[in-house]
PDB file of N, CA and C in Angstrom:
ATOM      1  N   MET A   1       0.590 -18.748   6.030  1.00  0.00           N
ATOM      2  CA  MET A   1       1.495 -17.902   6.778  1.00  0.00           C
ATOM      3  C   MET A   1       2.719 -18.705   7.206  1.00  0.00           C
ATOM      4  N   GLN A   2       2.536 -19.992   7.525  1.00  0.00           N
ATOM      5  CA  GLN A   2       3.663 -20.816   7.955  1.00  0.00           C
ATOM      6  C   GLN A   2       4.703 -20.947   6.855  1.00  0.00           C
ATOM      7  N   ASP A   3       4.242 -21.080   5.603  1.00  0.00           N
ATOM      8  CA  ASP A   3       5.183 -21.177   4.489  1.00  0.00           C
ATOM      9  C   ASP A   3       5.999 -19.904   4.350  1.00  0.00           C
ATOM     10  N   LEU A   4       5.348 -18.757   4.527  1.00  0.00           N
ATOM     11  CA  LEU A   4       6.068 -17.484   4.434  1.00  0.00           C
ATOM     12  C   LEU A   4       7.064 -17.347   5.575  1.00  0.00           C
ATOM     13  N   ASP A   5       6.662 -17.756   6.766  1.00  0.00           N
ATOM     14  CA  ASP A   5       7.577 -17.714   7.901  1.00  0.00           C
ATOM     15  C   ASP A   5       8.790 -18.609   7.653  1.00  0.00           C
ATOM     16  N   ALA A   6       8.541 -19.786   7.078  1.00  0.00           N
ATOM     17  CA  ALA A   6       9.640 -20.710   6.787  1.00  0.00           C
ATOM     18  C   ALA A   6      10.577 -20.126   5.730  1.00  0.00           C
ATOM     19  N   ALA A   7      10.006 -19.530   4.703  1.00  0.00           N
ATOM     20  CA  ALA A   7      10.832 -18.906   3.659  1.00  0.00           C
ATOM     21  C   ALA A   7      11.664 -17.766   4.236  1.00  0.00           C
ATOM     22  N   LEU A   8      11.065 -16.994   5.113  1.00  0.00           N
ATOM     23  CA  LEU A   8      11.785 -15.868   5.704  1.00  0.00           C
ATOM     24  C   LEU A   8      12.821 -16.327   6.728  1.00  0.00           C
ATOM     25  N   ALA A   9      12.629 -17.495   7.297  1.00  0.00           N
ATOM     26  CA  ALA A   9      13.653 -18.042   8.194  1.00  0.00           C
ATOM     27  C   ALA A   9      14.916 -18.370   7.404  1.00  0.00           C
ATOM     28  N   LEU A  10      14.735 -18.804   6.153  1.00  0.00           N
ATOM     29  CA  LEU A  10      15.880 -19.110   5.287  1.00  0.00           C
ATOM     30  C   LEU A  10      16.508 -17.853   4.696  1.00  0.00           C
ATOM     31  N   GLU A  11      15.678 -16.904   4.334  1.00  0.00           N
ATOM     32  CA  GLU A  11      16.153 -15.644   3.742  1.00  0.00           C
ATOM     33  C   GLU A  11      15.337 -14.499   4.336  1.00  0.00           C
ATOM     34  N   PRO A  12      15.797 -13.950   5.460  1.00  0.00           N
ATOM     35  CA  PRO A  12      15.002 -12.972   6.221  1.00  0.00           C
ATOM     36  C   PRO A  12      14.606 -11.703   5.459  1.00  0.00           C
ATOM     37  N   LEU A  13      15.361 -11.336   4.452  1.00  0.00           N
ATOM     38  CA  LEU A  13      15.037 -10.100   3.733  1.00  0.00           C
ATOM     39  C   LEU A  13      14.565 -10.363   2.305  1.00  0.00           C
ATOM     40  N   HIS A  14      13.842 -11.455   2.113  1.00  0.00           N
ATOM     41  CA  HIS A  14      13.272 -11.754   0.797  1.00  0.00           C
ATOM     42  C   HIS A  14      12.069 -10.826   0.602  1.00  0.00           C
ATOM     43  N   THR A  15      12.209  -9.844  -0.272  1.00  0.00           N
ATOM     44  CA  THR A  15      11.194  -8.793  -0.373  1.00  0.00           C
ATOM     45  C   THR A  15       9.820  -9.332  -0.775  1.00  0.00           C
ATOM     46  N   ASP A  16       9.781 -10.275  -1.702  1.00  0.00           N
ATOM     47  CA  ASP A  16       8.477 -10.801  -2.120  1.00  0.00           C
ATOM     48  C   ASP A  16       7.773 -11.518  -0.965  1.00  0.00           C
ATOM     49  N   ALA A  17       8.527 -12.325  -0.216  1.00  0.00           N
ATOM     50  CA  ALA A  17       7.934 -13.042   0.919  1.00  0.00           C
ATOM     51  C   ALA A  17       7.492 -12.058   1.997  1.00  0.00           C
ATOM     52  N   LEU A  18       8.304 -11.029   2.233  1.00  0.00           N
ATOM     53  CA  LEU A  18       7.910 -10.007   3.213  1.00  0.00           C
ATOM     54  C   LEU A  18       6.634  -9.298   2.774  1.00  0.00           C
ATOM     55  N   GLY A  19       6.544  -8.998   1.482  1.00  0.00           N
ATOM     56  CA  GLY A  19       5.347  -8.339   0.964  1.00  0.00           C
ATOM     57  C   GLY A  19       4.108  -9.207   1.108  1.00  0.00           C
ATOM     58  N   LEU A  20       4.249 -10.490   0.792  1.00  0.00           N
ATOM     59  CA  LEU A  20       3.114 -11.402   0.934  1.00  0.00           C
ATOM     60  C   LEU A  20       2.690 -11.547   2.389  1.00  0.00           C
ATOM     61  N   ARG A  21       3.682 -11.642   3.290  1.00  0.00           N
ATOM     62  CA  ARG A  21       3.335 -11.770   4.704  1.00  0.00           C
ATOM     63  C   ARG A  21       2.719 -10.472   5.222  1.00  0.00           C
ATOM     64  N   ALA A  22       3.212  -9.332   4.733  1.00  0.00           N
ATOM     65  CA  ALA A  22       2.620  -8.047   5.123  1.00  0.00           C
ATOM     66  C   ALA A  22       1.153  -7.993   4.712  1.00  0.00           C
ATOM     67  N   ALA A  23       0.846  -8.499   3.528  1.00  0.00           N
ATOM     68  CA  ALA A  23      -0.550  -8.534   3.059  1.00  0.00           C
ATOM     69  C   ALA A  23      -1.399  -9.450   3.947  1.00  0.00           C
ATOM     70  N   GLU A  24      -0.831 -10.586   4.339  1.00  0.00           N
ATOM     71  CA  GLU A  24      -1.547 -11.501   5.241  1.00  0.00           C
ATOM     72  C   GLU A  24      -1.847 -10.807   6.572  1.00  0.00           C
ATOM     73  N   HIS A  25      -0.834 -10.143   7.123  1.00  0.00           N
ATOM     74  CA  HIS A  25      -1.034  -9.426   8.387  1.00  0.00           C
ATOM     75  C   HIS A  25      -2.111  -8.348   8.231  1.00  0.00           C
ATOM     76  N   LEU A  26      -2.059  -7.632   7.134  1.00  0.00           N
ATOM     77  CA  LEU A  26      -3.030  -6.567   6.884  1.00  0.00           C
ATOM     78  C   LEU A  26      -4.444  -7.142   6.841  1.00  0.00           C
ATOM     79  N   ASN A  27      -4.610  -8.251   6.126  1.00  0.00           N
ATOM     80  CA  ASN A  27      -5.929  -8.886   6.010  1.00  0.00           C
ATOM     81  C   ASN A  27      -6.454  -9.388   7.343  1.00  0.00           C
ATOM     82  N   LYS A  28      -5.552  -9.708   8.264  1.00  0.00           N
ATOM     83  CA  LYS A  28      -5.949 -10.188   9.592  1.00  0.00           C
ATOM     84  C   LYS A  28      -6.127  -9.042  10.588  1.00  0.00           C
ATOM     85  N   GLY A  29      -5.877  -7.813  10.145  1.00  0.00           N
ATOM     86  CA  GLY A  29      -5.991  -6.678  11.052  1.00  0.00           C
ATOM     87  C   GLY A  29      -4.772  -6.491  11.937  1.00  0.00           C
ATOM     88  N   GLU A  30      -3.689  -7.144  11.594  1.00  0.00           N
ATOM     89  CA  GLU A  30      -2.428  -7.036  12.343  1.00  0.00           C
ATOM     90  C   GLU A  30      -1.571  -5.947  11.698  1.00  0.00           C
ATOM     91  N   PHE A  31      -1.995  -4.706  11.903  1.00  0.00           N
ATOM     92  CA  PHE A  31      -1.412  -3.587  11.164  1.00  0.00           C
ATOM     93  C   PHE A  31       0.038  -3.314  11.547  1.00  0.00           C
ATOM     94  N   ASP A  32       0.368  -3.409  12.816  1.00  0.00           N
ATOM     95  CA  ASP A  32       1.754  -3.174  13.231  1.00  0.00           C
ATOM     96  C   ASP A  32       2.695  -4.217  12.642  1.00  0.00           C
ATOM     97  N   ASP A  33       2.265  -5.472  12.591  1.00  0.00           N
ATOM     98  CA  ASP A  33       3.084  -6.529  11.991  1.00  0.00           C
ATOM     99  C   ASP A  33       3.230  -6.308  10.487  1.00  0.00           C
ATOM    100  N   SER A  34       2.161  -5.858   9.855  1.00  0.00           N
ATOM    101  CA  SER A  34       2.213  -5.558   8.428  1.00  0.00           C
ATOM    102  C   SER A  34       3.224  -4.443   8.160  1.00  0.00           C
ATOM    103  N   ILE A  35       3.166  -3.397   8.966  1.00  0.00           N
ATOM    104  CA  ILE A  35       4.106  -2.278   8.807  1.00  0.00           C
ATOM    105  C   ILE A  35       5.535  -2.744   9.021  1.00  0.00           C
ATOM    106  N   ALA A  36       5.756  -3.598  10.021  1.00  0.00           N
ATOM    107  CA  ALA A  36       7.110  -4.094  10.293  1.00  0.00           C
ATOM    108  C   ALA A  36       7.666  -4.875   9.095  1.00  0.00           C
ATOM    109  N   ASP A  37       6.824  -5.714   8.469  1.00  0.00           N
ATOM    110  CA  ASP A  37       7.288  -6.448   7.287  1.00  0.00           C
ATOM    111  C   ASP A  37       7.548  -5.508   6.114  1.00  0.00           C
ATOM    112  N   CYS A  38       6.706  -4.518   5.958  1.00  0.00           N
ATOM    113  CA  CYS A  38       6.931  -3.536   4.889  1.00  0.00           C
ATOM    114  C   CYS A  38       8.225  -2.762   5.130  1.00  0.00           C
ATOM    115  N   ASP A  39       8.448  -2.371   6.379  1.00  0.00           N
ATOM    116  CA  ASP A  39       9.687  -1.659   6.714  1.00  0.00           C
ATOM    117  C   ASP A  39      10.909  -2.503   6.371  1.00  0.00           C
ATOM    118  N   ALA A  40      10.853  -3.794   6.692  1.00  0.00           N
ATOM    119  CA  ALA A  40      11.980  -4.687   6.397  1.00  0.00           C
ATOM    120  C   ALA A  40      12.203  -4.809   4.891  1.00  0.00           C
ATOM    121  N   ALA A  41      11.109  -4.949   4.130  1.00  0.00           N
ATOM    122  CA  ALA A  41      11.232  -5.042   2.673  1.00  0.00           C
ATOM    123  C   ALA A  41      11.795  -3.747   2.092  1.00  0.00           C
ATOM    124  N   LEU A  42      11.326  -2.621   2.613  1.00  0.00           N
ATOM    125  CA  LEU A  42      11.781  -1.327   2.098  1.00  0.00           C
ATOM    126  C   LEU A  42      13.214  -1.015   2.516  1.00  0.00           C
ATOM    127  N   ALA A  43      13.669  -1.598   3.606  1.00  0.00           N
ATOM    128  CA  ALA A  43      15.073  -1.427   3.993  1.00  0.00           C
ATOM    129  C   ALA A  43      15.983  -2.084   2.957  1.00  0.00           C
ATOM    130  N   LYS A  44      15.517  -3.190   2.389  1.00  0.00           N
ATOM    131  CA  LYS A  44      16.305  -3.878   1.350  1.00  0.00           C
ATOM    132  C   LYS A  44      16.121  -3.216  -0.006  1.00  0.00           C
ATOM    133  N   ASN A  45      14.889  -2.820  -0.307  1.00  0.00           N
ATOM    134  CA  ASN A  45      14.587  -2.208  -1.604  1.00  0.00           C
ATOM    135  C   ASN A  45      13.624  -1.039  -1.375  1.00  0.00           C
ATOM    136  N   PRO A  46      14.144   0.189  -1.269  1.00  0.00           N
ATOM    137  CA  PRO A  46      13.296   1.356  -0.977  1.00  0.00           C
ATOM    138  C   PRO A  46      12.224   1.634  -2.029  1.00  0.00           C
ATOM    139  N   ASN A  47      12.357   1.018  -3.203  1.00  0.00           N
ATOM    140  CA  ASN A  47      11.386   1.230  -4.277  1.00  0.00           C
ATOM    141  C   ASN A  47      10.487   0.015  -4.494  1.00  0.00           C
ATOM    142  N   PHE A  48      10.337  -0.818  -3.468  1.00  0.00           N
ATOM    143  CA  PHE A  48       9.483  -1.998  -3.578  1.00  0.00           C
ATOM    144  C   PHE A  48       8.031  -1.548  -3.426  1.00  0.00           C
ATOM    145  N   ASN A  49       7.393  -1.359  -4.571  1.00  0.00           N
ATOM    146  CA  ASN A  49       6.065  -0.758  -4.627  1.00  0.00           C
ATOM    147  C   ASN A  49       5.011  -1.490  -3.788  1.00  0.00           C
ATOM    148  N   PRO A  50       4.963  -2.830  -3.813  1.00  0.00           N
ATOM    149  CA  PRO A  50       3.942  -3.489  -2.981  1.00  0.00           C
ATOM    150  C   PRO A  50       4.062  -3.128  -1.505  1.00  0.00           C
ATOM    151  N   ALA A  51       5.278  -3.005  -1.008  1.00  0.00           N
ATOM    152  CA  ALA A  51       5.454  -2.660   0.412  1.00  0.00           C
ATOM    153  C   ALA A  51       5.000  -1.230   0.685  1.00  0.00           C
ATOM    154  N   LEU A  52       5.247  -0.321  -0.244  1.00  0.00           N
ATOM    155  CA  LEU A  52       4.787   1.063  -0.065  1.00  0.00           C
ATOM    156  C   LEU A  52       3.260   1.116  -0.022  1.00  0.00           C
ATOM    157  N   SER A  53       2.626   0.409  -0.944  1.00  0.00           N
ATOM    158  CA  SER A  53       1.164   0.408  -1.009  1.00  0.00           C
ATOM    159  C   SER A  53       0.544  -0.251   0.227  1.00  0.00           C
ATOM    160  N   LEU A  54       1.099  -1.393   0.622  1.00  0.00           N
ATOM    161  CA  LEU A  54       0.571  -2.104   1.790  1.00  0.00           C
ATOM    162  C   LEU A  54       0.782  -1.308   3.073  1.00  0.00           C
ATOM    163  N   ARG A  55       1.967  -0.700   3.206  1.00  0.00           N
ATOM    164  CA  ARG A  55       2.215   0.088   4.412  1.00  0.00           C
ATOM    165  C   ARG A  55       1.281   1.288   4.447  1.00  0.00           C
ATOM    166  N   GLY A  56       1.033   1.892   3.280  1.00  0.00           N
ATOM    167  CA  GLY A  56       0.067   2.985   3.221  1.00  0.00           C
ATOM    168  C   GLY A  56      -1.314   2.548   3.685  1.00  0.00           C
ATOM    169  N   LEU A  57      -1.733   1.354   3.260  1.00  0.00           N
ATOM    170  CA  LEU A  57      -3.037   0.840   3.693  1.00  0.00           C
ATOM    171  C   LEU A  57      -3.061   0.592   5.202  1.00  0.00           C
ATOM    172  N   ALA A  58      -1.964   0.072   5.740  1.00  0.00           N
ATOM    173  CA  ALA A  58      -1.904  -0.157   7.186  1.00  0.00           C
ATOM    174  C   ALA A  58      -1.977   1.164   7.945  1.00  0.00           C
ATOM    175  N   TRP A  59      -1.239   2.169   7.474  1.00  0.00           N
ATOM    176  CA  TRP A  59      -1.310   3.491   8.115  1.00  0.00           C
ATOM    177  C   TRP A  59      -2.726   4.041   8.041  1.00  0.00           C
ATOM    178  N   LEU A  60      -3.373   3.848   6.902  1.00  0.00           N
ATOM    179  CA  LEU A  60      -4.749   4.320   6.733  1.00  0.00           C
ATOM    180  C   LEU A  60      -5.664   3.667   7.765  1.00  0.00           C
ATOM    181  N   LYS A  61      -5.530   2.358   7.936  1.00  0.00           N
ATOM    182  CA  LYS A  61      -6.364   1.630   8.903  1.00  0.00           C
ATOM    183  C   LYS A  61      -6.099   2.095  10.334  1.00  0.00           C
ATOM    184  N   LEU A  62      -4.864   2.524  10.605  1.00  0.00           N
ATOM    185  CA  LEU A  62      -4.509   3.002  11.942  1.00  0.00           C
ATOM    186  C   LEU A  62      -4.861   4.481  12.160  1.00  0.00           C
ATOM    187  N   GLY A  63      -5.400   5.128  11.129  1.00  0.00           N
ATOM    188  CA  GLY A  63      -5.766   6.538  11.250  1.00  0.00           C
ATOM    189  C   GLY A  63      -4.585   7.480  11.120  1.00  0.00           C
ATOM    190  N   GLU A  64      -3.470   6.975  10.621  1.00  0.00           N
ATOM    191  CA  GLU A  64      -2.263   7.787  10.390  1.00  0.00           C
ATOM    192  C   GLU A  64      -2.289   8.280   8.943  1.00  0.00           C
ATOM    193  N   PHE A  65      -3.175   9.234   8.694  1.00  0.00           N
ATOM    194  CA  PHE A  65      -3.488   9.631   7.320  1.00  0.00           C
ATOM    195  C   PHE A  65      -2.325  10.300   6.595  1.00  0.00           C
ATOM    196  N   GLN A  66      -1.570  11.130   7.274  1.00  0.00           N
ATOM    197  CA  GLN A  66      -0.440  11.794   6.627  1.00  0.00           C
ATOM    198  C   GLN A  66       0.632  10.773   6.243  1.00  0.00           C
ATOM    199  N   ARG A  67       0.890   9.812   7.117  1.00  0.00           N
ATOM    200  CA  ARG A  67       1.848   8.753   6.802  1.00  0.00           C
ATOM    201  C   ARG A  67       1.352   7.921   5.625  1.00  0.00           C
ATOM    202  N   ALA A  68       0.056   7.646   5.596  1.00  0.00           N
ATOM    203  CA  ALA A  68      -0.517   6.888   4.485  1.00  0.00           C
ATOM    204  C   ALA A  68      -0.304   7.633   3.176  1.00  0.00           C
ATOM    205  N   ILE A  69      -0.601   8.916   3.176  1.00  0.00           N
ATOM    206  CA  ILE A  69      -0.438   9.717   1.958  1.00  0.00           C
ATOM    207  C   ILE A  69       1.017   9.715   1.505  1.00  0.00           C
ATOM    208  N   PHE A  70       1.942   9.823   2.435  1.00  0.00           N
ATOM    209  CA  PHE A  70       3.366   9.799   2.092  1.00  0.00           C
ATOM    210  C   PHE A  70       3.715   8.513   1.341  1.00  0.00           C
ATOM    211  N   ASP A  71       3.267   7.364   1.871  1.00  0.00           N
ATOM    212  CA  ASP A  71       3.563   6.095   1.206  1.00  0.00           C
ATOM    213  C   ASP A  71       2.826   5.960  -0.119  1.00  0.00           C
ATOM    214  N   PHE A  72       1.572   6.400  -0.163  1.00  0.00           N
ATOM    215  CA  PHE A  72       0.829   6.339  -1.427  1.00  0.00           C
ATOM    216  C   PHE A  72       1.478   7.229  -2.481  1.00  0.00           C
ATOM    217  N   ASP A  73       1.944   8.402  -2.086  1.00  0.00           N
ATOM    218  CA  ASP A  73       2.633   9.289  -3.030  1.00  0.00           C
ATOM    219  C   ASP A  73       3.871   8.616  -3.605  1.00  0.00           C
ATOM    220  N   ARG A  74       4.648   7.974  -2.752  1.00  0.00           N
ATOM    221  CA  ARG A  74       5.854   7.278  -3.214  1.00  0.00           C
ATOM    222  C   ARG A  74       5.495   6.131  -4.153  1.00  0.00           C
ATOM    223  N   ALA A  75       4.454   5.371  -3.797  1.00  0.00           N
ATOM    224  CA  ALA A  75       4.033   4.255  -4.655  1.00  0.00           C
ATOM    225  C   ALA A  75       3.573   4.762  -6.020  1.00  0.00           C
ATOM    226  N   LEU A  76       2.825   5.850  -6.019  1.00  0.00           N
ATOM    227  CA  LEU A  76       2.316   6.402  -7.276  1.00  0.00           C
ATOM    228  C   LEU A  76       3.415   7.052  -8.105  1.00  0.00           C
ATOM    229  N   ALA A  77       4.454   7.561  -7.465  1.00  0.00           N
ATOM    230  CA  ALA A  77       5.587   8.118  -8.212  1.00  0.00           C
ATOM    231  C   ALA A  77       6.291   7.002  -8.991  1.00  0.00           C
ATOM    232  N   LEU A  78       6.300   5.811  -8.424  1.00  0.00           N
ATOM    233  CA  LEU A  78       6.939   4.670  -9.087  1.00  0.00           C
ATOM    234  C   LEU A  78       6.044   4.043 -10.145  1.00  0.00           C
ATOM    235  N   GLU A  79       4.758   4.020  -9.869  1.00  0.00           N
ATOM    236  CA  GLU A  79       3.790   3.386 -10.765  1.00  0.00           C
ATOM    237  C   GLU A  79       2.465   4.145 -10.665  1.00  0.00           C
ATOM    238  N   PRO A  80       2.263   5.120 -11.551  1.00  0.00           N
ATOM    239  CA  PRO A  80       1.109   6.028 -11.414  1.00  0.00           C
ATOM    240  C   PRO A  80      -0.270   5.394 -11.637  1.00  0.00           C
ATOM    241  N   ASP A  81      -0.345   4.324 -12.390  1.00  0.00           N
ATOM    242  CA  ASP A  81      -1.644   3.761 -12.776  1.00  0.00           C
ATOM    243  C   ASP A  81      -2.108   2.677 -11.799  1.00  0.00           C
ATOM    244  N   GLN A  82      -2.335   3.073 -10.552  1.00  0.00           N
ATOM    245  CA  GLN A  82      -2.787   2.138  -9.519  1.00  0.00           C
ATOM    246  C   GLN A  82      -4.097   2.657  -8.930  1.00  0.00           C
ATOM    247  N   PRO A  83      -5.241   2.216  -9.471  1.00  0.00           N
ATOM    248  CA  PRO A  83      -6.510   2.761  -9.000  1.00  0.00           C
ATOM    249  C   PRO A  83      -6.769   2.557  -7.506  1.00  0.00           C
ATOM    250  N   ILE A  84      -6.358   1.427  -6.961  1.00  0.00           N
ATOM    251  CA  ILE A  84      -6.604   1.178  -5.533  1.00  0.00           C
ATOM    252  C   ILE A  84      -5.789   2.148  -4.676  1.00  0.00           C
ATOM    253  N   VAL A  85      -4.558   2.401  -5.080  1.00  0.00           N
ATOM    254  CA  VAL A  85      -3.708   3.329  -4.324  1.00  0.00           C
ATOM    255  C   VAL A  85      -4.259   4.747  -4.434  1.00  0.00           C
ATOM    256  N   LEU A  86      -4.695   5.133  -5.622  1.00  0.00           N
ATOM    257  CA  LEU A  86      -5.300   6.462  -5.790  1.00  0.00           C
ATOM    258  C   LEU A  86      -6.550   6.598  -4.929  1.00  0.00           C
ATOM    259  N   TYR A  87      -7.401   5.588  -4.947  1.00  0.00           N
ATOM    260  CA  TYR A  87      -8.616   5.630  -4.138  1.00  0.00           C
ATOM    261  C   TYR A  87      -8.266   5.736  -2.647  1.00  0.00           C
ATOM    262  N   SER A  88      -7.315   4.917  -2.209  1.00  0.00           N
ATOM    263  CA  SER A  88      -6.926   4.922  -0.796  1.00  0.00           C
ATOM    264  C   SER A  88      -6.329   6.265  -0.390  1.00  0.00           C
ATOM    265  N   ARG A  89      -5.531   6.849  -1.282  1.00  0.00           N
ATOM    266  CA  ARG A  89      -4.985   8.170  -0.983  1.00  0.00           C
ATOM    267  C   ARG A  89      -6.121   9.189  -0.885  1.00  0.00           C
ATOM    268  N   GLY A  90      -7.133   9.031  -1.721  1.00  0.00           N
ATOM    269  CA  GLY A  90      -8.291   9.913  -1.646  1.00  0.00           C
ATOM    270  C   GLY A  90      -9.003   9.801  -0.307  1.00  0.00           C
ATOM    271  N   VAL A  91      -9.117   8.588   0.201  1.00  0.00           N
ATOM    272  CA  VAL A  91      -9.741   8.388   1.510  1.00  0.00           C
ATOM    273  C   VAL A  91      -8.931   9.107   2.587  1.00  0.00           C
ATOM    274  N   ALA A  92      -7.611   8.955   2.535  1.00  0.00           N
ATOM    275  CA  ALA A  92      -6.755   9.620   3.532  1.00  0.00           C
ATOM    276  C   ALA A  92      -6.894  11.140   3.436  1.00  0.00           C
ATOM    277  N   LYS A  93      -6.905  11.663   2.216  1.00  0.00           N
ATOM    278  CA  LYS A  93      -7.060  13.108   2.038  1.00  0.00           C
ATOM    279  C   LYS A  93      -8.414  13.572   2.570  1.00  0.00           C
ATOM    280  N   GLN A  94      -9.446  12.794   2.296  1.00  0.00           N
ATOM    281  CA  GLN A  94     -10.787  13.129   2.777  1.00  0.00           C
ATOM    282  C   GLN A  94     -10.794  13.196   4.304  1.00  0.00           C
ATOM    283  N   GLN A  95     -10.137  12.251   4.944  1.00  0.00           N
ATOM    284  CA  GLN A  95     -10.083  12.226   6.409  1.00  0.00           C
ATOM    285  C   GLN A  95      -9.342  13.440   6.970  1.00  0.00           C
ATOM    286  N   LEU A  96      -8.424  13.994   6.189  1.00  0.00           N
ATOM    287  CA  LEU A  96      -7.672  15.175   6.621  1.00  0.00           C
ATOM    288  C   LEU A  96      -8.366  16.481   6.222  1.00  0.00           C
ATOM    289  N   GLY A  97      -9.534  16.370   5.590  1.00  0.00           N
ATOM    290  CA  GLY A  97     -10.296  17.561   5.225  1.00  0.00           C
ATOM    291  C   GLY A  97      -9.960  18.136   3.865  1.00  0.00           C
ATOM    292  N   ASP A  98      -9.186  17.414   3.057  1.00  0.00           N
ATOM    293  CA  ASP A  98      -8.832  17.874   1.715  1.00  0.00           C
ATOM    294  C   ASP A  98      -9.837  17.296   0.718  1.00  0.00           C
ATOM    295  N   ALA A  99     -11.032  17.899   0.681  1.00  0.00           N
ATOM    296  CA  ALA A  99     -12.104  17.387  -0.175  1.00  0.00           C
ATOM    297  C   ALA A  99     -11.738  17.467  -1.654  1.00  0.00           C
ATOM    298  N   THR A 100     -11.081  18.547  -2.060  1.00  0.00           N
ATOM    299  CA  THR A 100     -10.710  18.717  -3.470  1.00  0.00           C
ATOM    300  C   THR A 100      -9.698  17.663  -3.891  1.00  0.00           C
ATOM    301  N   GLY A 101      -8.667  17.453  -3.073  1.00  0.00           N
ATOM    302  CA  GLY A 101      -7.668  16.436  -3.375  1.00  0.00           C
ATOM    303  C   GLY A 101      -8.268  15.040  -3.395  1.00  0.00           C
ATOM    304  N   ALA A 102      -9.178  14.789  -2.467  1.00  0.00           N
ATOM    305  CA  ALA A 102      -9.832  13.486  -2.404  1.00  0.00           C
ATOM    306  C   ALA A 102     -10.654  13.233  -3.666  1.00  0.00           C
ATOM    307  N   GLU A 103     -11.434  14.215  -4.062  1.00  0.00           N
ATOM    308  CA  GLU A 103     -12.275  14.054  -5.258  1.00  0.00           C
ATOM    309  C   GLU A 103     -11.425  13.822  -6.507  1.00  0.00           C
ATOM    310  N   LEU A 104     -10.300  14.504  -6.605  1.00  0.00           N
ATOM    311  CA  LEU A 104      -9.408  14.313  -7.744  1.00  0.00           C
ATOM    312  C   LEU A 104      -8.866  12.879  -7.764  1.00  0.00           C
ATOM    313  N   ASP A 105      -8.433  12.386  -6.598  1.00  0.00           N
ATOM    314  CA  ASP A 105      -7.932  11.009  -6.531  1.00  0.00           C
ATOM    315  C   ASP A 105      -9.031  10.004  -6.857  1.00  0.00           C
ATOM    316  N   PHE A 106     -10.241  10.227  -6.352  1.00  0.00           N
ATOM    317  CA  PHE A 106     -11.354   9.320  -6.650  1.00  0.00           C
ATOM    318  C   PHE A 106     -11.657   9.319  -8.149  1.00  0.00           C
ATOM    319  N   ALA A 107     -11.638  10.493  -8.764  1.00  0.00           N
ATOM    320  CA  ALA A 107     -11.922  10.597 -10.200  1.00  0.00           C
ATOM    321  C   ALA A 107     -10.845   9.879 -11.017  1.00  0.00           C
ATOM    322  N   MET A 108      -9.578  10.074 -10.645  1.00  0.00           N
ATOM    323  CA  MET A 108      -8.492   9.406 -11.371  1.00  0.00           C
ATOM    324  C   MET A 108      -8.575   7.896 -11.187  1.00  0.00           C
ATOM    325  N   SER A 109      -8.910   7.453  -9.988  1.00  0.00           N
ATOM    326  CA  SER A 109      -9.061   6.026  -9.724  1.00  0.00           C
ATOM    327  C   SER A 109     -10.168   5.431 -10.588  1.00  0.00           C
ATOM    328  N   ASN A 110     -11.308   6.107 -10.623  1.00  0.00           N
ATOM    329  CA  ASN A 110     -12.435   5.622 -11.432  1.00  0.00           C
ATOM    330  C   ASN A 110     -12.100   5.616 -12.912  1.00  0.00           C
ATOM    331  N   ALA A 111     -11.381   6.622 -13.386  1.00  0.00           N
ATOM    332  CA  ALA A 111     -10.993   6.673 -14.800  1.00  0.00           C
ATOM    333  C   ALA A 111     -10.081   5.495 -15.140  1.00  0.00           C
ATOM    334  N   LEU A 112      -9.145   5.195 -14.259  1.00  0.00           N
ATOM    335  CA  LEU A 112      -8.246   4.059 -14.513  1.00  0.00           C
ATOM    336  C   LEU A 112      -9.012   2.741 -14.488  1.00  0.00           C
ATOM    337  N   LYS A 113      -9.940   2.597 -13.566  1.00  0.00           N
ATOM    338  CA  LYS A 113     -10.746   1.370 -13.507  1.00  0.00           C
ATOM    339  C   LYS A 113     -11.555   1.227 -14.783  1.00  0.00           C
ATOM    340  N   GLY A 114     -12.108   2.328 -15.264  1.00  0.00           N
ATOM    341  CA  GLY A 114     -12.892   2.300 -16.498  1.00  0.00           C
ATOM    342  C   GLY A 114     -12.058   1.919 -17.701  1.00  0.00           C
ATOM    343  N   ASN A 115     -10.836   2.443 -17.772  1.00  0.00           N
ATOM    344  CA  ASN A 115      -9.947   2.110 -18.876  1.00  0.00           C
ATOM    345  C   ASN A 115      -9.555   0.645 -18.846  1.00  0.00           C
ATOM    346  N   ARG A 116      -9.321   0.109 -17.663  1.00  0.00           N
ATOM    347  CA  ARG A 116      -8.950  -1.306 -17.553  1.00  0.00           C
ATOM    348  C   ARG A 116     -10.104  -2.194 -17.957  1.00  0.00           C
ATOM    349  N   ALA A 117     -11.331  -1.804 -17.637  1.00  0.00           N
ATOM    350  CA  ALA A 117     -12.499  -2.601 -17.994  1.00  0.00           C
ATOM    351  C   ALA A 117     -12.653  -2.658 -19.507  1.00  0.00           C
ATOM    352  N   LYS A 118     -12.336  -1.575 -20.204  1.00  0.00           N
ATOM    353  CA  LYS A 118     -12.473  -1.534 -21.663  1.00  0.00           C
ATOM    354  C   LYS A 118     -11.488  -2.472 -22.350  1.00  0.00           C
ATOM    355  N   PHE A 119     -10.321  -2.680 -21.738  1.00  0.00           N
ATOM    356  CA  PHE A 119      -9.287  -3.481 -22.382  1.00  0.00           C
ATOM    357  C   PHE A 119      -9.280  -4.929 -21.933  1.00  0.00           C
ATOM    358  N   ASN A 120     -10.095  -5.283 -20.958  1.00  0.00           N
ATOM    359  CA  ASN A 120     -10.120  -6.673 -20.469  1.00  0.00           C
ATOM    360  C   ASN A 120     -11.172  -7.500 -21.158  1.00  0.00           C
TER     361      ASN A 120
END
């Protein structure tokens, strides 16, 4: 984390460093800090997919399911073949009572995971 902080001190809006630090914050349960780094990265590049996905995960952990779905939708619009994002969006939909939407996302996630296993 210190290396990322040092890199960001030199270039505060380095999207890759912000994304990596957001992931570190997320892994530590520091969801608000993760969201803040994602917001900063997205202010520089609104289509920075890692920040959309990470912010969606942070919203999911905070129980902000509609916000999570919004970010997951944007991430999937940019890059549709993301099984983890599809699965996470399914969890958010399930929490909001959208069982059909959740099952569809889970099925698509599993299909993508299966396809990747065949080619690896």
